[in-house]
Amino acid sequence: MTALEPADPRRIEVETGTDGIVPFQLFGVVDVPGVGTLDVWRPGSEPKSLVLDFNFAYNPSCAYDPAWACPLAQPGNTVDASIPVGERYSGDY
């Protein structure tokens, strides 16, 4: 089990196509062995537990159609390691 470490509070606002602006607060940082650290953001109440399952990784709608807009991942939510799980996607529209 990987512990969730506290982080300095930060807030971001993500503009969506349907819900307007959705605020997120940085809840903590988790160190994933063999991958690196990831920021944990929350849109609502504090989670009592956290499951990091990269099998649920997916490409957002904007990966399939340039008509959709996607916010860029925050620097704390990108990793250099390859994670061979989730959806397969060739990069072609």
N, C-alpha and C. Protein backbone atom coordinates (compact mmCIF):
# COMPACT_ATOMS: atom_id res chain seq x y z
N MET A 1 0.85 -1.17 0.00
CA MET A 1 0.00 0.00 0.00
C MET A 1 0.90 1.23 0.00
N THR A 2 0.54 2.21 -0.80
CA THR A 2 1.27 3.45 -0.90
C THR A 2 0.55 4.52 -0.11
N ALA A 3 1.29 5.24 0.71
CA ALA A 3 0.67 6.27 1.55
C ALA A 3 0.44 7.56 0.77
N LEU A 4 -0.62 8.23 1.09
CA LEU A 4 -0.92 9.54 0.54
C LEU A 4 -0.24 10.56 1.43
N GLU A 5 0.69 11.31 0.85
CA GLU A 5 1.43 12.32 1.61
C GLU A 5 0.74 13.66 1.48
N PRO A 6 0.76 14.47 2.54
CA PRO A 6 0.14 15.80 2.43
C PRO A 6 0.90 16.68 1.44
N ALA A 7 0.23 17.66 0.88
CA ALA A 7 0.84 18.59 -0.06
C ALA A 7 0.39 20.01 0.27
N ASP A 8 1.20 20.98 -0.15
CA ASP A 8 0.80 22.37 0.04
C ASP A 8 -0.50 22.60 -0.72
N PRO A 9 -1.46 23.26 -0.08
CA PRO A 9 -2.76 23.47 -0.74
C PRO A 9 -2.63 24.29 -2.02
N ARG A 10 -3.31 23.82 -3.05
CA ARG A 10 -3.40 24.56 -4.32
C ARG A 10 -4.81 24.34 -4.85
N ARG A 11 -5.23 25.26 -5.68
CA ARG A 11 -6.56 25.15 -6.29
C ARG A 11 -6.42 25.47 -7.77
N ILE A 12 -7.11 24.70 -8.60
CA ILE A 12 -7.18 25.00 -10.02
C ILE A 12 -8.65 24.99 -10.42
N GLU A 13 -8.93 25.70 -11.49
CA GLU A 13 -10.28 25.70 -12.03
C GLU A 13 -10.20 25.19 -13.46
N VAL A 14 -10.96 24.14 -13.76
CA VAL A 14 -10.93 23.50 -15.07
C VAL A 14 -12.23 23.84 -15.80
N GLU A 15 -12.09 24.48 -16.95
CA GLU A 15 -13.26 24.81 -17.75
C GLU A 15 -13.70 23.58 -18.54
N THR A 16 -14.97 23.25 -18.46
CA THR A 16 -15.50 22.10 -19.19
C THR A 16 -16.49 22.58 -20.24
N GLY A 17 -16.79 21.71 -21.17
CA GLY A 17 -17.73 22.07 -22.21
C GLY A 17 -19.18 22.03 -21.76
N THR A 18 -19.45 21.33 -20.66
CA THR A 18 -20.84 21.17 -20.24
C THR A 18 -21.13 21.66 -18.83
N ASP A 19 -20.16 21.56 -17.94
CA ASP A 19 -20.40 21.89 -16.53
C ASP A 19 -19.86 23.26 -16.13
N GLY A 20 -19.39 24.05 -17.08
CA GLY A 20 -18.80 25.34 -16.74
C GLY A 20 -17.42 25.16 -16.16
N ILE A 21 -17.13 25.86 -15.10
CA ILE A 21 -15.81 25.77 -14.46
C ILE A 21 -15.93 24.89 -13.22
N VAL A 22 -15.07 23.86 -13.14
CA VAL A 22 -15.09 22.93 -12.02
C VAL A 22 -13.82 23.16 -11.20
N PRO A 23 -13.95 23.51 -9.91
CA PRO A 23 -12.78 23.72 -9.07
C PRO A 23 -12.23 22.39 -8.53
N PHE A 24 -10.92 22.30 -8.45
CA PHE A 24 -10.24 21.15 -7.84
C PHE A 24 -9.25 21.66 -6.82
N GLN A 25 -9.10 20.93 -5.72
CA GLN A 25 -8.12 21.26 -4.70
C GLN A 25 -7.12 20.12 -4.59
N LEU A 26 -5.84 20.48 -4.44
CA LEU A 26 -4.81 19.46 -4.28
C LEU A 26 -4.97 18.84 -2.90
N PHE A 27 -5.15 17.53 -2.88
CA PHE A 27 -5.40 16.81 -1.64
C PHE A 27 -4.11 16.20 -1.08
N GLY A 28 -3.19 15.79 -1.95
CA GLY A 28 -1.96 15.17 -1.49
C GLY A 28 -1.15 14.66 -2.67
N VAL A 29 -0.09 13.95 -2.36
CA VAL A 29 0.80 13.38 -3.37
C VAL A 29 1.03 11.92 -3.02
N VAL A 30 1.03 11.07 -4.03
CA VAL A 30 1.28 9.65 -3.82
C VAL A 30 2.49 9.25 -4.65
N ASP A 31 3.37 8.44 -4.09
CA ASP A 31 4.55 7.94 -4.79
C ASP A 31 4.24 6.53 -5.28
N VAL A 32 4.17 6.36 -6.60
CA VAL A 32 3.85 5.07 -7.19
C VAL A 32 5.16 4.38 -7.56
N PRO A 33 5.49 3.24 -6.94
CA PRO A 33 6.75 2.56 -7.23
C PRO A 33 6.91 2.26 -8.72
N GLY A 34 8.06 2.60 -9.26
CA GLY A 34 8.35 2.35 -10.66
C GLY A 34 7.74 3.35 -11.62
N VAL A 35 6.95 4.27 -11.12
CA VAL A 35 6.28 5.26 -11.97
C VAL A 35 6.72 6.67 -11.61
N GLY A 36 6.60 7.02 -10.36
CA GLY A 36 6.94 8.37 -9.89
C GLY A 36 5.84 8.89 -9.00
N THR A 37 5.86 10.18 -8.77
CA THR A 37 4.84 10.78 -7.91
C THR A 37 3.70 11.35 -8.74
N LEU A 38 2.52 11.31 -8.17
CA LEU A 38 1.33 11.86 -8.80
C LEU A 38 0.59 12.73 -7.79
N ASP A 39 0.13 13.88 -8.24
CA ASP A 39 -0.72 14.72 -7.42
C ASP A 39 -2.11 14.11 -7.35
N VAL A 40 -2.76 14.25 -6.21
CA VAL A 40 -4.12 13.76 -6.03
C VAL A 40 -5.01 14.98 -5.83
N TRP A 41 -5.89 15.22 -6.80
CA TRP A 41 -6.81 16.36 -6.76
C TRP A 41 -8.19 15.87 -6.39
N ARG A 42 -8.96 16.73 -5.77
CA ARG A 42 -10.33 16.36 -5.42
C ARG A 42 -11.29 17.47 -5.80
N PRO A 43 -12.42 17.11 -6.39
CA PRO A 43 -13.42 18.11 -6.72
C PRO A 43 -14.42 18.34 -5.59
N GLY A 44 -14.46 17.45 -4.61
CA GLY A 44 -15.46 17.54 -3.56
C GLY A 44 -14.86 17.25 -2.21
N SER A 45 -15.55 16.43 -1.42
CA SER A 45 -15.11 16.13 -0.06
C SER A 45 -13.87 15.24 -0.07
N GLU A 46 -13.18 15.23 1.05
CA GLU A 46 -11.95 14.45 1.18
C GLU A 46 -12.25 12.95 1.09
N PRO A 47 -11.46 12.22 0.28
CA PRO A 47 -11.68 10.77 0.19
C PRO A 47 -11.22 10.06 1.45
N LYS A 48 -11.92 9.00 1.83
CA LYS A 48 -11.51 8.21 2.99
C LYS A 48 -10.48 7.18 2.60
N SER A 49 -10.49 6.78 1.34
CA SER A 49 -9.49 5.85 0.83
C SER A 49 -9.25 6.18 -0.63
N LEU A 50 -8.16 5.65 -1.16
CA LEU A 50 -7.78 5.97 -2.52
C LEU A 50 -7.26 4.72 -3.19
N VAL A 51 -7.78 4.42 -4.37
CA VAL A 51 -7.32 3.29 -5.15
C VAL A 51 -6.73 3.83 -6.44
N LEU A 52 -5.46 3.53 -6.69
CA LEU A 52 -4.82 3.91 -7.95
C LEU A 52 -4.79 2.67 -8.83
N ASP A 53 -5.68 2.61 -9.79
CA ASP A 53 -5.76 1.47 -10.68
C ASP A 53 -5.60 1.97 -12.11
N PHE A 54 -4.41 1.79 -12.67
CA PHE A 54 -4.12 2.30 -14.00
C PHE A 54 -4.85 1.50 -15.09
N ASN A 55 -5.52 0.42 -14.72
CA ASN A 55 -6.34 -0.29 -15.69
C ASN A 55 -7.55 0.53 -16.09
N PHE A 56 -7.88 1.55 -15.31
CA PHE A 56 -8.97 2.44 -15.65
C PHE A 56 -8.49 3.67 -16.40
N ALA A 57 -7.22 3.70 -16.77
CA ALA A 57 -6.70 4.82 -17.55
C ALA A 57 -7.40 4.84 -18.90
N TYR A 58 -7.70 6.02 -19.38
CA TYR A 58 -8.38 6.12 -20.67
C TYR A 58 -7.98 7.42 -21.35
N ASN A 59 -8.21 7.47 -22.63
CA ASN A 59 -8.02 8.71 -23.37
C ASN A 59 -9.31 9.50 -23.32
N PRO A 60 -9.24 10.79 -22.98
CA PRO A 60 -10.46 11.59 -22.98
C PRO A 60 -10.98 11.79 -24.40
N SER A 61 -12.19 12.28 -24.52
CA SER A 61 -12.84 12.45 -25.82
C SER A 61 -11.99 13.22 -26.82
N CYS A 62 -11.20 14.18 -26.34
CA CYS A 62 -10.42 15.01 -27.25
C CYS A 62 -9.32 14.21 -27.96
N ALA A 63 -8.98 13.05 -27.47
CA ALA A 63 -7.97 12.22 -28.13
C ALA A 63 -8.51 11.61 -29.42
N TYR A 64 -9.82 11.55 -29.54
CA TYR A 64 -10.44 10.90 -30.69
C TYR A 64 -11.01 11.88 -31.70
N ASP A 65 -11.24 13.11 -31.29
CA ASP A 65 -11.88 14.08 -32.18
C ASP A 65 -11.39 15.48 -31.84
N PRO A 66 -10.80 16.20 -32.78
CA PRO A 66 -10.29 17.54 -32.49
C PRO A 66 -11.38 18.56 -32.16
N ALA A 67 -12.64 18.20 -32.32
CA ALA A 67 -13.73 19.10 -31.97
C ALA A 67 -13.87 19.25 -30.45
N TRP A 68 -13.32 18.29 -29.68
CA TRP A 68 -13.39 18.34 -28.22
C TRP A 68 -12.16 19.03 -27.68
N ALA A 69 -12.32 19.77 -26.61
CA ALA A 69 -11.19 20.45 -25.96
C ALA A 69 -10.84 19.71 -24.66
N CYS A 70 -9.56 19.54 -24.42
CA CYS A 70 -9.11 18.89 -23.19
C CYS A 70 -8.18 19.81 -22.43
N PRO A 71 -8.33 19.90 -21.11
CA PRO A 71 -7.35 20.65 -20.34
C PRO A 71 -6.04 19.87 -20.30
N LEU A 72 -4.93 20.56 -20.27
CA LEU A 72 -3.64 19.89 -20.15
C LEU A 72 -3.44 19.41 -18.73
N ALA A 73 -2.80 18.26 -18.59
CA ALA A 73 -2.51 17.73 -17.25
C ALA A 73 -1.54 18.65 -16.53
N GLN A 74 -1.76 18.81 -15.25
CA GLN A 74 -0.85 19.59 -14.42
C GLN A 74 0.50 18.88 -14.36
N PRO A 75 1.60 19.61 -14.16
CA PRO A 75 2.92 18.96 -14.12
C PRO A 75 3.01 17.80 -13.13
N GLY A 76 2.30 17.87 -12.02
CA GLY A 76 2.33 16.79 -11.03
C GLY A 76 1.52 15.58 -11.43
N ASN A 77 0.90 15.62 -12.60
CA ASN A 77 0.10 14.49 -13.05
C ASN A 77 0.58 13.94 -14.38
N THR A 78 1.86 14.08 -14.63
CA THR A 78 2.50 13.46 -15.79
C THR A 78 3.67 12.64 -15.28
N VAL A 79 3.97 11.54 -15.95
CA VAL A 79 5.08 10.68 -15.55
C VAL A 79 5.90 10.32 -16.79
N ASP A 80 7.16 10.01 -16.58
CA ASP A 80 8.04 9.60 -17.67
C ASP A 80 7.93 8.10 -17.96
N ALA A 81 7.43 7.35 -16.99
CA ALA A 81 7.37 5.89 -17.12
C ALA A 81 6.23 5.48 -18.06
N SER A 82 6.45 4.40 -18.79
CA SER A 82 5.41 3.82 -19.62
C SER A 82 4.50 2.99 -18.73
N ILE A 83 3.20 3.16 -18.86
CA ILE A 83 2.24 2.39 -18.07
C ILE A 83 1.39 1.59 -19.05
N PRO A 84 1.73 0.32 -19.29
CA PRO A 84 1.07 -0.47 -20.34
C PRO A 84 -0.28 -1.07 -19.90
N VAL A 85 -1.21 -0.19 -19.51
CA VAL A 85 -2.56 -0.61 -19.11
C VAL A 85 -3.56 0.36 -19.68
N GLY A 86 -4.83 0.10 -19.49
CA GLY A 86 -5.86 1.00 -19.98
C GLY A 86 -6.18 0.74 -21.44
N GLU A 87 -6.79 1.73 -22.09
CA GLU A 87 -7.18 1.59 -23.50
C GLU A 87 -5.97 1.63 -24.42
N ARG A 88 -6.05 0.90 -25.50
CA ARG A 88 -5.03 0.99 -26.55
C ARG A 88 -5.51 2.02 -27.56
N TYR A 89 -4.59 2.87 -27.98
CA TYR A 89 -4.95 3.94 -28.90
C TYR A 89 -3.78 4.21 -29.80
N SER A 90 -4.02 4.21 -31.10
CA SER A 90 -2.93 4.37 -32.07
C SER A 90 -2.55 5.82 -32.29
N GLY A 91 -3.40 6.75 -31.91
CA GLY A 91 -3.12 8.17 -32.11
C GLY A 91 -3.75 8.70 -33.38
N ASP A 92 -4.40 7.86 -34.18
CA ASP A 92 -5.07 8.29 -35.40
C ASP A 92 -6.52 8.63 -35.08
N TYR A 93 -7.05 9.67 -35.74
CA TYR A 93 -8.46 10.02 -35.57
C TYR A 93 -9.32 9.14 -36.43
